Amino acid sequence: MVQKIINGYCRLLAVLMVLSLAAMVVMVFGNVVMRYGFNSGITLSEELSRWLFVWMTFLGAVVAINERGHLGTDSLIARLPVAGQKVCLGLSLLLMLFICWLVFKGALEQTRINWDSTSAVMETSMGYFYASGVVFAVLAAPVLLLNLVRLFTGQMHDSELIGIRESDDMPHGDPHP
């Protein structure tokens, strides 16, 4: 049930990321065409594109956490027994929750500090820019907590203890036939 809710908001985040990327492409490309073709430009496009990029990055990090798609290495973890893998995964999840707390606390403080400051071009509160970190922490924490609960209650399969997956681009089999 909880995983379905998390998967649902991750699908929504993926749609928002696609829309953000499309808007960024249109704005930046349009601005380039206008500058070189008509010797003018849309000043809003640069600042809004930067804001969308930051938001898209934080939202993408939440989706990557849910899909366990962040980079990592398993050279040590793969050699450990299952109990060692569980301990390492539990520690890493606890550390990631701590980092989420730090991001939440810092981004919330920056949001409060910059709430009355406005951006140069859009004249919008800079608090919205820094709120991306708050949203990231609030959305990432349930994913990490669910994985931690699944680990502690024994609902996590042993194959999930190592989160690294091979890339589809990597060759499989013997590299020296």
N, C-alpha and C. Protein backbone atom coordinates (compact mmCIF):
# COMPACT_ATOMS: atom_id res chain seq x y z
N MET A 1 0.82 -1.20 0.00
CA MET A 1 0.00 0.00 0.00
C MET A 1 0.86 1.26 0.00
N VAL A 2 1.79 1.35 0.96
CA VAL A 2 2.65 2.52 1.05
C VAL A 2 3.53 2.61 -0.20
N GLN A 3 4.03 1.44 -0.66
CA GLN A 3 4.87 1.43 -1.86
C GLN A 3 4.08 1.90 -3.07
N LYS A 4 2.79 1.59 -3.14
CA LYS A 4 1.96 2.06 -4.26
C LYS A 4 1.83 3.58 -4.24
N ILE A 5 1.68 4.14 -3.05
CA ILE A 5 1.59 5.61 -2.92
C ILE A 5 2.91 6.24 -3.35
N ILE A 6 4.02 5.66 -2.88
CA ILE A 6 5.34 6.19 -3.25
C ILE A 6 5.55 6.08 -4.76
N ASN A 7 5.21 4.93 -5.34
CA ASN A 7 5.34 4.76 -6.79
C ASN A 7 4.47 5.76 -7.54
N GLY A 8 3.29 6.05 -7.00
CA GLY A 8 2.40 7.03 -7.62
C GLY A 8 3.00 8.42 -7.62
N TYR A 9 3.53 8.85 -6.48
CA TYR A 9 4.10 10.20 -6.51
C TYR A 9 5.41 10.24 -7.27
N CYS A 10 6.09 9.12 -7.40
CA CYS A 10 7.29 9.10 -8.25
C CYS A 10 6.91 9.19 -9.72
N ARG A 11 5.80 8.59 -10.11
CA ARG A 11 5.32 8.75 -11.49
C ARG A 11 4.94 10.21 -11.75
N LEU A 12 4.29 10.83 -10.79
CA LEU A 12 3.95 12.25 -10.90
C LEU A 12 5.21 13.11 -11.01
N LEU A 13 6.22 12.78 -10.20
CA LEU A 13 7.48 13.52 -10.27
C LEU A 13 8.15 13.34 -11.63
N ALA A 14 8.06 12.13 -12.18
CA ALA A 14 8.65 11.89 -13.51
C ALA A 14 7.95 12.74 -14.57
N VAL A 15 6.64 12.87 -14.47
CA VAL A 15 5.89 13.72 -15.42
C VAL A 15 6.32 15.18 -15.24
N LEU A 16 6.44 15.62 -14.01
CA LEU A 16 6.88 17.00 -13.75
C LEU A 16 8.29 17.24 -14.29
N MET A 17 9.15 16.24 -14.18
CA MET A 17 10.51 16.39 -14.71
C MET A 17 10.50 16.49 -16.23
N VAL A 18 9.66 15.69 -16.88
CA VAL A 18 9.56 15.75 -18.35
C VAL A 18 9.04 17.12 -18.78
N LEU A 19 8.01 17.61 -18.09
CA LEU A 19 7.47 18.93 -18.42
C LEU A 19 8.50 20.03 -18.17
N SER A 20 9.26 19.91 -17.09
CA SER A 20 10.30 20.90 -16.79
C SER A 20 11.37 20.89 -17.87
N LEU A 21 11.80 19.69 -18.26
CA LEU A 21 12.83 19.60 -19.29
C LEU A 21 12.33 20.15 -20.62
N ALA A 22 11.09 19.84 -20.97
CA ALA A 22 10.53 20.37 -22.21
C ALA A 22 10.45 21.89 -22.17
N ALA A 23 10.03 22.44 -21.05
CA ALA A 23 9.96 23.90 -20.92
C ALA A 23 11.35 24.52 -21.02
N MET A 24 12.34 23.88 -20.40
CA MET A 24 13.70 24.39 -20.45
C MET A 24 14.23 24.39 -21.89
N VAL A 25 13.98 23.31 -22.61
CA VAL A 25 14.45 23.21 -24.00
C VAL A 25 13.80 24.30 -24.85
N VAL A 26 12.49 24.46 -24.71
CA VAL A 26 11.78 25.46 -25.50
C VAL A 26 12.29 26.87 -25.17
N MET A 27 12.44 27.16 -23.88
CA MET A 27 12.88 28.51 -23.49
C MET A 27 14.31 28.80 -23.94
N VAL A 28 15.22 27.87 -23.70
CA VAL A 28 16.61 28.12 -24.06
C VAL A 28 16.78 28.17 -25.58
N PHE A 29 16.17 27.22 -26.29
CA PHE A 29 16.27 27.22 -27.75
C PHE A 29 15.62 28.49 -28.33
N GLY A 30 14.45 28.84 -27.81
CA GLY A 30 13.78 30.05 -28.27
C GLY A 30 14.61 31.29 -28.01
N ASN A 31 15.26 31.33 -26.86
CA ASN A 31 16.10 32.48 -26.53
C ASN A 31 17.31 32.56 -27.47
N VAL A 32 17.91 31.42 -27.79
CA VAL A 32 19.05 31.41 -28.72
C VAL A 32 18.61 31.90 -30.09
N VAL A 33 17.48 31.39 -30.58
CA VAL A 33 16.97 31.82 -31.88
C VAL A 33 16.68 33.32 -31.89
N MET A 34 16.05 33.80 -30.82
CA MET A 34 15.73 35.23 -30.77
C MET A 34 16.98 36.10 -30.69
N ARG A 35 18.00 35.64 -29.97
CA ARG A 35 19.22 36.44 -29.85
C ARG A 35 19.96 36.51 -31.18
N TYR A 36 20.11 35.37 -31.85
CA TYR A 36 20.88 35.36 -33.08
C TYR A 36 20.06 35.78 -34.30
N GLY A 37 18.79 35.51 -34.27
CA GLY A 37 17.95 35.85 -35.42
C GLY A 37 17.35 37.24 -35.37
N PHE A 38 17.04 37.71 -34.18
CA PHE A 38 16.31 38.97 -34.06
C PHE A 38 16.99 39.99 -33.15
N ASN A 39 18.18 39.63 -32.66
CA ASN A 39 18.96 40.51 -31.81
C ASN A 39 18.18 40.95 -30.56
N SER A 40 17.40 40.02 -30.03
CA SER A 40 16.66 40.27 -28.79
C SER A 40 16.64 38.96 -28.00
N GLY A 41 15.96 38.93 -26.93
CA GLY A 41 15.88 37.72 -26.13
C GLY A 41 14.83 37.84 -25.05
N ILE A 42 14.57 36.72 -24.42
CA ILE A 42 13.62 36.68 -23.31
C ILE A 42 14.45 36.53 -22.04
N THR A 43 14.55 37.58 -21.26
CA THR A 43 15.40 37.53 -20.06
C THR A 43 14.87 36.54 -19.04
N LEU A 44 13.59 36.33 -19.00
CA LEU A 44 12.97 35.40 -18.06
C LEU A 44 13.43 33.97 -18.29
N SER A 45 13.74 33.62 -19.52
CA SER A 45 14.03 32.22 -19.85
C SER A 45 15.27 31.70 -19.14
N GLU A 46 16.30 32.51 -18.99
CA GLU A 46 17.52 32.05 -18.34
C GLU A 46 17.29 31.73 -16.87
N GLU A 47 16.65 32.64 -16.17
CA GLU A 47 16.42 32.44 -14.74
C GLU A 47 15.43 31.31 -14.48
N LEU A 48 14.35 31.28 -15.23
CA LEU A 48 13.35 30.23 -15.04
C LEU A 48 13.94 28.86 -15.39
N SER A 49 14.75 28.79 -16.42
CA SER A 49 15.40 27.52 -16.78
C SER A 49 16.31 27.03 -15.66
N ARG A 50 17.03 27.94 -15.06
CA ARG A 50 17.90 27.57 -13.94
C ARG A 50 17.08 27.04 -12.77
N TRP A 51 15.99 27.70 -12.46
CA TRP A 51 15.12 27.24 -11.37
C TRP A 51 14.54 25.87 -11.69
N LEU A 52 14.06 25.69 -12.92
CA LEU A 52 13.50 24.39 -13.30
C LEU A 52 14.55 23.29 -13.24
N PHE A 53 15.78 23.61 -13.61
CA PHE A 53 16.85 22.62 -13.55
C PHE A 53 17.10 22.17 -12.12
N VAL A 54 17.15 23.11 -11.18
CA VAL A 54 17.36 22.76 -9.78
C VAL A 54 16.21 21.90 -9.26
N TRP A 55 14.99 22.31 -9.54
CA TRP A 55 13.84 21.53 -9.10
C TRP A 55 13.83 20.14 -9.74
N MET A 56 14.13 20.08 -11.03
CA MET A 56 14.16 18.81 -11.74
C MET A 56 15.21 17.87 -11.14
N THR A 57 16.35 18.42 -10.76
CA THR A 57 17.41 17.62 -10.17
C THR A 57 16.97 17.02 -8.84
N PHE A 58 16.37 17.83 -7.99
CA PHE A 58 15.92 17.32 -6.70
C PHE A 58 14.79 16.30 -6.85
N LEU A 59 13.85 16.56 -7.76
CA LEU A 59 12.76 15.60 -7.97
C LEU A 59 13.31 14.30 -8.56
N GLY A 60 14.28 14.42 -9.46
CA GLY A 60 14.90 13.23 -10.04
C GLY A 60 15.64 12.41 -9.00
N ALA A 61 16.22 13.07 -8.01
CA ALA A 61 16.90 12.35 -6.94
C ALA A 61 15.93 11.51 -6.13
N VAL A 62 14.72 12.01 -5.93
CA VAL A 62 13.70 11.23 -5.21
C VAL A 62 13.34 9.98 -6.02
N VAL A 63 13.12 10.15 -7.32
CA VAL A 63 12.78 9.02 -8.18
C VAL A 63 13.93 8.01 -8.19
N ALA A 64 15.17 8.49 -8.26
CA ALA A 64 16.31 7.59 -8.27
C ALA A 64 16.44 6.83 -6.95
N ILE A 65 16.12 7.47 -5.84
CA ILE A 65 16.15 6.77 -4.56
C ILE A 65 15.11 5.65 -4.56
N ASN A 66 13.93 5.93 -5.06
CA ASN A 66 12.88 4.91 -5.11
C ASN A 66 13.26 3.75 -6.02
N GLU A 67 13.91 4.05 -7.13
CA GLU A 67 14.30 3.00 -8.08
C GLU A 67 15.67 2.41 -7.77
N ARG A 68 16.28 2.91 -6.70
CA ARG A 68 17.63 2.49 -6.30
C ARG A 68 18.58 2.65 -7.48
N GLY A 69 18.51 3.82 -8.10
CA GLY A 69 19.26 4.07 -9.32
C GLY A 69 20.48 4.94 -9.14
N HIS A 70 20.84 5.30 -7.90
CA HIS A 70 22.03 6.12 -7.69
C HIS A 70 23.27 5.26 -7.86
N LEU A 71 24.36 5.92 -8.19
CA LEU A 71 25.63 5.23 -8.38
C LEU A 71 26.12 4.64 -7.07
N GLY A 72 26.83 3.55 -7.19
CA GLY A 72 27.41 2.93 -6.01
C GLY A 72 28.37 1.84 -6.44
N THR A 73 29.01 1.26 -5.46
CA THR A 73 29.92 0.16 -5.74
C THR A 73 29.62 -0.97 -4.76
N ASP A 74 29.73 -2.17 -5.24
CA ASP A 74 29.39 -3.32 -4.40
C ASP A 74 30.56 -4.27 -4.18
N SER A 75 31.77 -3.82 -4.46
CA SER A 75 32.92 -4.72 -4.37
C SER A 75 33.12 -5.29 -2.97
N LEU A 76 32.86 -4.53 -1.93
CA LEU A 76 32.98 -5.03 -0.57
C LEU A 76 31.69 -5.71 -0.12
N ILE A 77 30.57 -5.07 -0.35
CA ILE A 77 29.28 -5.58 0.14
C ILE A 77 28.96 -6.96 -0.43
N ALA A 78 29.27 -7.18 -1.69
CA ALA A 78 28.97 -8.47 -2.33
C ALA A 78 29.75 -9.62 -1.70
N ARG A 79 30.87 -9.33 -1.06
CA ARG A 79 31.70 -10.37 -0.44
C ARG A 79 31.28 -10.69 0.99
N LEU A 80 30.40 -9.87 1.54
CA LEU A 80 29.95 -10.07 2.92
C LEU A 80 28.85 -11.13 2.98
N PRO A 81 28.71 -11.78 4.13
CA PRO A 81 27.56 -12.68 4.29
C PRO A 81 26.28 -11.86 4.35
N VAL A 82 25.14 -12.52 4.26
CA VAL A 82 23.85 -11.84 4.23
C VAL A 82 23.67 -10.94 5.45
N ALA A 83 24.09 -11.40 6.62
CA ALA A 83 23.95 -10.58 7.83
C ALA A 83 24.76 -9.30 7.70
N GLY A 84 25.96 -9.38 7.16
CA GLY A 84 26.79 -8.19 6.95
C GLY A 84 26.18 -7.25 5.93
N GLN A 85 25.57 -7.80 4.90
CA GLN A 85 24.90 -6.98 3.89
C GLN A 85 23.72 -6.25 4.50
N LYS A 86 22.99 -6.93 5.39
CA LYS A 86 21.85 -6.29 6.05
C LYS A 86 22.31 -5.15 6.96
N VAL A 87 23.38 -5.38 7.70
CA VAL A 87 23.91 -4.34 8.58
C VAL A 87 24.35 -3.13 7.76
N CYS A 88 25.07 -3.38 6.68
CA CYS A 88 25.54 -2.27 5.83
C CYS A 88 24.38 -1.52 5.20
N LEU A 89 23.37 -2.23 4.72
CA LEU A 89 22.21 -1.57 4.14
C LEU A 89 21.48 -0.74 5.20
N GLY A 90 21.31 -1.32 6.39
CA GLY A 90 20.66 -0.58 7.47
C GLY A 90 21.41 0.69 7.83
N LEU A 91 22.73 0.58 7.94
CA LEU A 91 23.54 1.77 8.23
C LEU A 91 23.45 2.80 7.12
N SER A 92 23.48 2.35 5.87
CA SER A 92 23.40 3.30 4.77
C SER A 92 22.04 3.99 4.73
N LEU A 93 20.97 3.26 5.01
CA LEU A 93 19.65 3.88 5.04
C LEU A 93 19.54 4.89 6.18
N LEU A 94 20.09 4.55 7.34
CA LEU A 94 20.08 5.49 8.47
C LEU A 94 20.90 6.74 8.14
N LEU A 95 22.05 6.56 7.50
CA LEU A 95 22.86 7.72 7.10
C LEU A 95 22.13 8.58 6.07
N MET A 96 21.44 7.94 5.13
CA MET A 96 20.69 8.71 4.13
C MET A 96 19.54 9.48 4.78
N LEU A 97 18.88 8.87 5.78
CA LEU A 97 17.84 9.59 6.51
C LEU A 97 18.42 10.78 7.25
N PHE A 98 19.60 10.61 7.82
CA PHE A 98 20.27 11.72 8.50
C PHE A 98 20.60 12.84 7.51
N ILE A 99 21.08 12.47 6.34
CA ILE A 99 21.37 13.46 5.30
C ILE A 99 20.08 14.17 4.87
N CYS A 100 19.00 13.41 4.74
CA CYS A 100 17.70 14.04 4.42
C CYS A 100 17.33 15.07 5.49
N TRP A 101 17.55 14.72 6.74
CA TRP A 101 17.26 15.66 7.83
C TRP A 101 18.12 16.92 7.68
N LEU A 102 19.42 16.75 7.39
CA LEU A 102 20.30 17.90 7.23
C LEU A 102 19.88 18.77 6.04
N VAL A 103 19.52 18.12 4.93
CA VAL A 103 19.05 18.87 3.76
C VAL A 103 17.76 19.61 4.10
N PHE A 104 16.85 18.93 4.77
CA PHE A 104 15.58 19.55 5.16
C PHE A 104 15.83 20.77 6.04
N LYS A 105 16.64 20.57 7.07
CA LYS A 105 16.91 21.65 8.02
C LYS A 105 17.60 22.84 7.33
N GLY A 106 18.61 22.56 6.53
CA GLY A 106 19.34 23.64 5.85
C GLY A 106 18.49 24.34 4.80
N ALA A 107 17.75 23.56 4.01
CA ALA A 107 16.91 24.17 2.96
C ALA A 107 15.77 24.97 3.58
N LEU A 108 15.21 24.47 4.67
CA LEU A 108 14.14 25.21 5.34
C LEU A 108 14.67 26.54 5.89
N GLU A 109 15.85 26.50 6.45
CA GLU A 109 16.45 27.74 6.96
C GLU A 109 16.73 28.72 5.81
N GLN A 110 17.26 28.22 4.70
CA GLN A 110 17.51 29.08 3.54
C GLN A 110 16.20 29.62 2.97
N THR A 111 15.17 28.79 2.96
CA THR A 111 13.86 29.25 2.48
C THR A 111 13.36 30.40 3.34
N ARG A 112 13.48 30.23 4.66
CA ARG A 112 13.03 31.30 5.57
C ARG A 112 13.86 32.57 5.42
N ILE A 113 15.18 32.40 5.31
CA ILE A 113 16.08 33.56 5.19
C ILE A 113 15.78 34.34 3.91
N ASN A 114 15.54 33.61 2.82
CA ASN A 114 15.40 34.23 1.50
C ASN A 114 13.96 34.48 1.08
N TRP A 115 13.02 34.26 1.99
CA TRP A 115 11.62 34.41 1.61
C TRP A 115 11.29 35.83 1.15
N ASP A 116 11.88 36.81 1.79
CA ASP A 116 11.59 38.20 1.44
C ASP A 116 12.49 38.74 0.33
N SER A 117 13.47 37.96 -0.08
CA SER A 117 14.33 38.36 -1.21
C SER A 117 13.67 37.92 -2.50
N THR A 118 13.80 38.74 -3.52
CA THR A 118 13.21 38.38 -4.80
C THR A 118 14.30 38.14 -5.84
N SER A 119 13.96 37.30 -6.81
CA SER A 119 14.91 37.01 -7.88
C SER A 119 15.04 38.23 -8.78
N ALA A 120 16.16 38.32 -9.47
CA ALA A 120 16.48 39.51 -10.26
C ALA A 120 15.50 39.75 -11.40
N VAL A 121 15.14 38.71 -12.12
CA VAL A 121 14.33 38.89 -13.32
C VAL A 121 12.86 38.60 -13.06
N MET A 122 12.57 37.45 -12.45
CA MET A 122 11.17 37.06 -12.26
C MET A 122 10.52 37.81 -11.11
N GLU A 123 11.35 38.38 -10.23
CA GLU A 123 10.86 39.09 -9.05
C GLU A 123 9.93 38.22 -8.21
N THR A 124 10.34 36.97 -8.09
CA THR A 124 9.63 35.98 -7.28
C THR A 124 10.46 35.69 -6.05
N SER A 125 9.82 35.31 -4.97
CA SER A 125 10.54 35.01 -3.74
C SER A 125 11.59 33.93 -3.97
N MET A 126 12.80 34.20 -3.52
CA MET A 126 13.87 33.21 -3.62
C MET A 126 13.61 32.02 -2.70
N GLY A 127 12.65 32.16 -1.81
CA GLY A 127 12.28 31.03 -0.96
C GLY A 127 11.81 29.84 -1.76
N TYR A 128 11.13 30.09 -2.88
CA TYR A 128 10.67 28.99 -3.74
C TYR A 128 11.84 28.22 -4.33
N PHE A 129 12.92 28.91 -4.62
CA PHE A 129 14.11 28.26 -5.16
C PHE A 129 14.69 27.28 -4.13
N TYR A 130 14.84 27.75 -2.90
CA TYR A 130 15.43 26.92 -1.85
C TYR A 130 14.46 25.87 -1.31
N ALA A 131 13.19 26.04 -1.54
CA ALA A 131 12.20 25.06 -1.09
C ALA A 131 12.36 23.72 -1.81
N SER A 132 13.08 23.70 -2.91
CA SER A 132 13.31 22.44 -3.62
C SER A 132 14.01 21.42 -2.72
N GLY A 133 14.90 21.87 -1.87
CA GLY A 133 15.57 20.97 -0.93
C GLY A 133 14.62 20.45 0.13
N VAL A 134 13.71 21.29 0.57
CA VAL A 134 12.70 20.86 1.55
C VAL A 134 11.81 19.79 0.94
N VAL A 135 11.35 20.04 -0.28
CA VAL A 135 10.48 19.07 -0.96
C VAL A 135 11.21 17.75 -1.17
N PHE A 136 12.49 17.82 -1.57
CA PHE A 136 13.28 16.61 -1.75
C PHE A 136 13.31 15.80 -0.46
N ALA A 137 13.66 16.44 0.64
CA ALA A 137 13.80 15.73 1.91
C ALA A 137 12.46 15.12 2.36
N VAL A 138 11.38 15.88 2.19
CA VAL A 138 10.06 15.39 2.61
C VAL A 138 9.61 14.20 1.75
N LEU A 139 9.95 14.21 0.47
CA LEU A 139 9.53 13.11 -0.41
C LEU A 139 10.49 11.93 -0.37
N ALA A 140 11.76 12.15 -0.09
CA ALA A 140 12.73 11.06 -0.06
C ALA A 140 12.67 10.28 1.25
N ALA A 141 12.39 10.94 2.34
CA ALA A 141 12.39 10.28 3.65
C ALA A 141 11.42 9.09 3.72
N PRO A 142 10.19 9.19 3.22
CA PRO A 142 9.30 8.02 3.28
C PRO A 142 9.84 6.82 2.49
N VAL A 143 10.50 7.07 1.39
CA VAL A 143 11.08 5.98 0.60
C VAL A 143 12.15 5.27 1.42
N LEU A 144 13.01 6.04 2.04
CA LEU A 144 14.08 5.47 2.85
C LEU A 144 13.52 4.77 4.09
N LEU A 145 12.53 5.39 4.72
CA LEU A 145 11.90 4.77 5.89
C LEU A 145 11.23 3.44 5.54
N LEU A 146 10.55 3.41 4.41
CA LEU A 146 9.91 2.16 3.99
C LEU A 146 10.95 1.07 3.77
N ASN A 147 12.05 1.40 3.13
CA ASN A 147 13.11 0.40 2.93
C ASN A 147 13.70 -0.05 4.26
N LEU A 148 13.84 0.87 5.20
CA LEU A 148 14.37 0.52 6.52
C LEU A 148 13.39 -0.41 7.27
N VAL A 149 12.12 -0.09 7.21
CA VAL A 149 11.11 -0.95 7.85
C VAL A 149 11.09 -2.33 7.20
N ARG A 150 11.14 -2.36 5.87
CA ARG A 150 11.17 -3.65 5.17
C ARG A 150 12.40 -4.47 5.57
N LEU A 151 13.54 -3.80 5.75
CA LEU A 151 14.76 -4.49 6.15
C LEU A 151 14.63 -5.06 7.56
N PHE A 152 14.16 -4.22 8.50
CA PHE A 152 14.06 -4.64 9.90
C PHE A 152 12.97 -5.68 10.14
N THR A 153 11.93 -5.69 9.33
CA THR A 153 10.85 -6.65 9.51
C THR A 153 11.04 -7.92 8.68
N GLY A 154 12.14 -8.00 7.95
CA GLY A 154 12.43 -9.20 7.16
C GLY A 154 11.65 -9.31 5.87
N GLN A 155 11.03 -8.21 5.42
CA GLN A 155 10.26 -8.24 4.18
C GLN A 155 11.12 -8.01 2.95
N MET A 156 12.39 -7.65 3.16
CA MET A 156 13.28 -7.39 2.04
C MET A 156 13.99 -8.68 1.65
N HIS A 157 13.91 -9.02 0.38
CA HIS A 157 14.54 -10.22 -0.13
C HIS A 157 16.06 -10.03 -0.16
N ASP A 158 16.80 -11.11 0.00
CA ASP A 158 18.26 -11.04 0.02
C ASP A 158 18.82 -10.42 -1.27
N SER A 159 18.13 -10.60 -2.38
CA SER A 159 18.61 -10.04 -3.64
C SER A 159 18.53 -8.51 -3.67
N GLU A 160 17.75 -7.93 -2.76
CA GLU A 160 17.62 -6.48 -2.69
C GLU A 160 18.66 -5.82 -1.79
N LEU A 161 19.46 -6.63 -1.11
CA LEU A 161 20.43 -6.09 -0.16
C LEU A 161 21.56 -5.34 -0.85
N ILE A 162 21.87 -5.74 -2.06
CA ILE A 162 22.88 -5.04 -2.85
C ILE A 162 22.14 -4.26 -3.91
N GLY A 163 22.21 -2.95 -3.82
CA GLY A 163 21.40 -2.09 -4.68
C GLY A 163 22.01 -1.77 -6.03
N ILE A 164 23.19 -2.28 -6.31
CA ILE A 164 23.87 -1.95 -7.56
C ILE A 164 23.39 -2.90 -8.65
N ARG A 165 23.02 -2.33 -9.78
CA ARG A 165 22.62 -3.13 -10.93
C ARG A 165 23.58 -2.86 -12.06
N GLU A 166 23.78 -3.88 -12.88
CA GLU A 166 24.64 -3.68 -14.03
C GLU A 166 23.97 -2.76 -15.02
N SER A 167 24.77 -1.98 -15.72
CA SER A 167 24.25 -1.11 -16.76
C SER A 167 23.93 -1.92 -17.99
N ASP A 168 22.90 -1.53 -18.71
CA ASP A 168 22.55 -2.22 -19.94
C ASP A 168 23.59 -1.98 -21.02
N ASP A 169 24.41 -0.96 -20.85
CA ASP A 169 25.43 -0.64 -21.83
C ASP A 169 26.69 -1.48 -21.66
N MET A 170 26.83 -2.11 -20.49
CA MET A 170 28.03 -2.89 -20.23
C MET A 170 27.95 -4.23 -20.94
N PRO A 171 29.06 -4.69 -21.51
CA PRO A 171 29.05 -6.01 -22.16
C PRO A 171 28.93 -7.12 -21.12
N HIS A 172 28.23 -8.16 -21.47
CA HIS A 172 28.04 -9.29 -20.57
C HIS A 172 28.91 -10.44 -21.03
N GLY A 173 29.23 -11.33 -20.12
CA GLY A 173 29.99 -12.51 -20.50
C GLY A 173 31.48 -12.26 -20.42
N ASP A 174 32.23 -13.16 -21.02
CA ASP A 174 33.68 -13.13 -21.00
C ASP A 174 34.19 -12.00 -21.89
N PRO A 175 34.99 -11.05 -21.33
CA PRO A 175 35.47 -9.94 -22.16
C PRO A 175 36.54 -10.37 -23.15
N HIS A 176 37.13 -11.54 -22.92
CA HIS A 176 38.16 -12.05 -23.83
C HIS A 176 37.73 -13.39 -24.38
N PRO A 177 36.94 -13.41 -25.47
CA PRO A 177 36.43 -14.69 -25.99
C PRO A 177 37.50 -15.59 -26.55
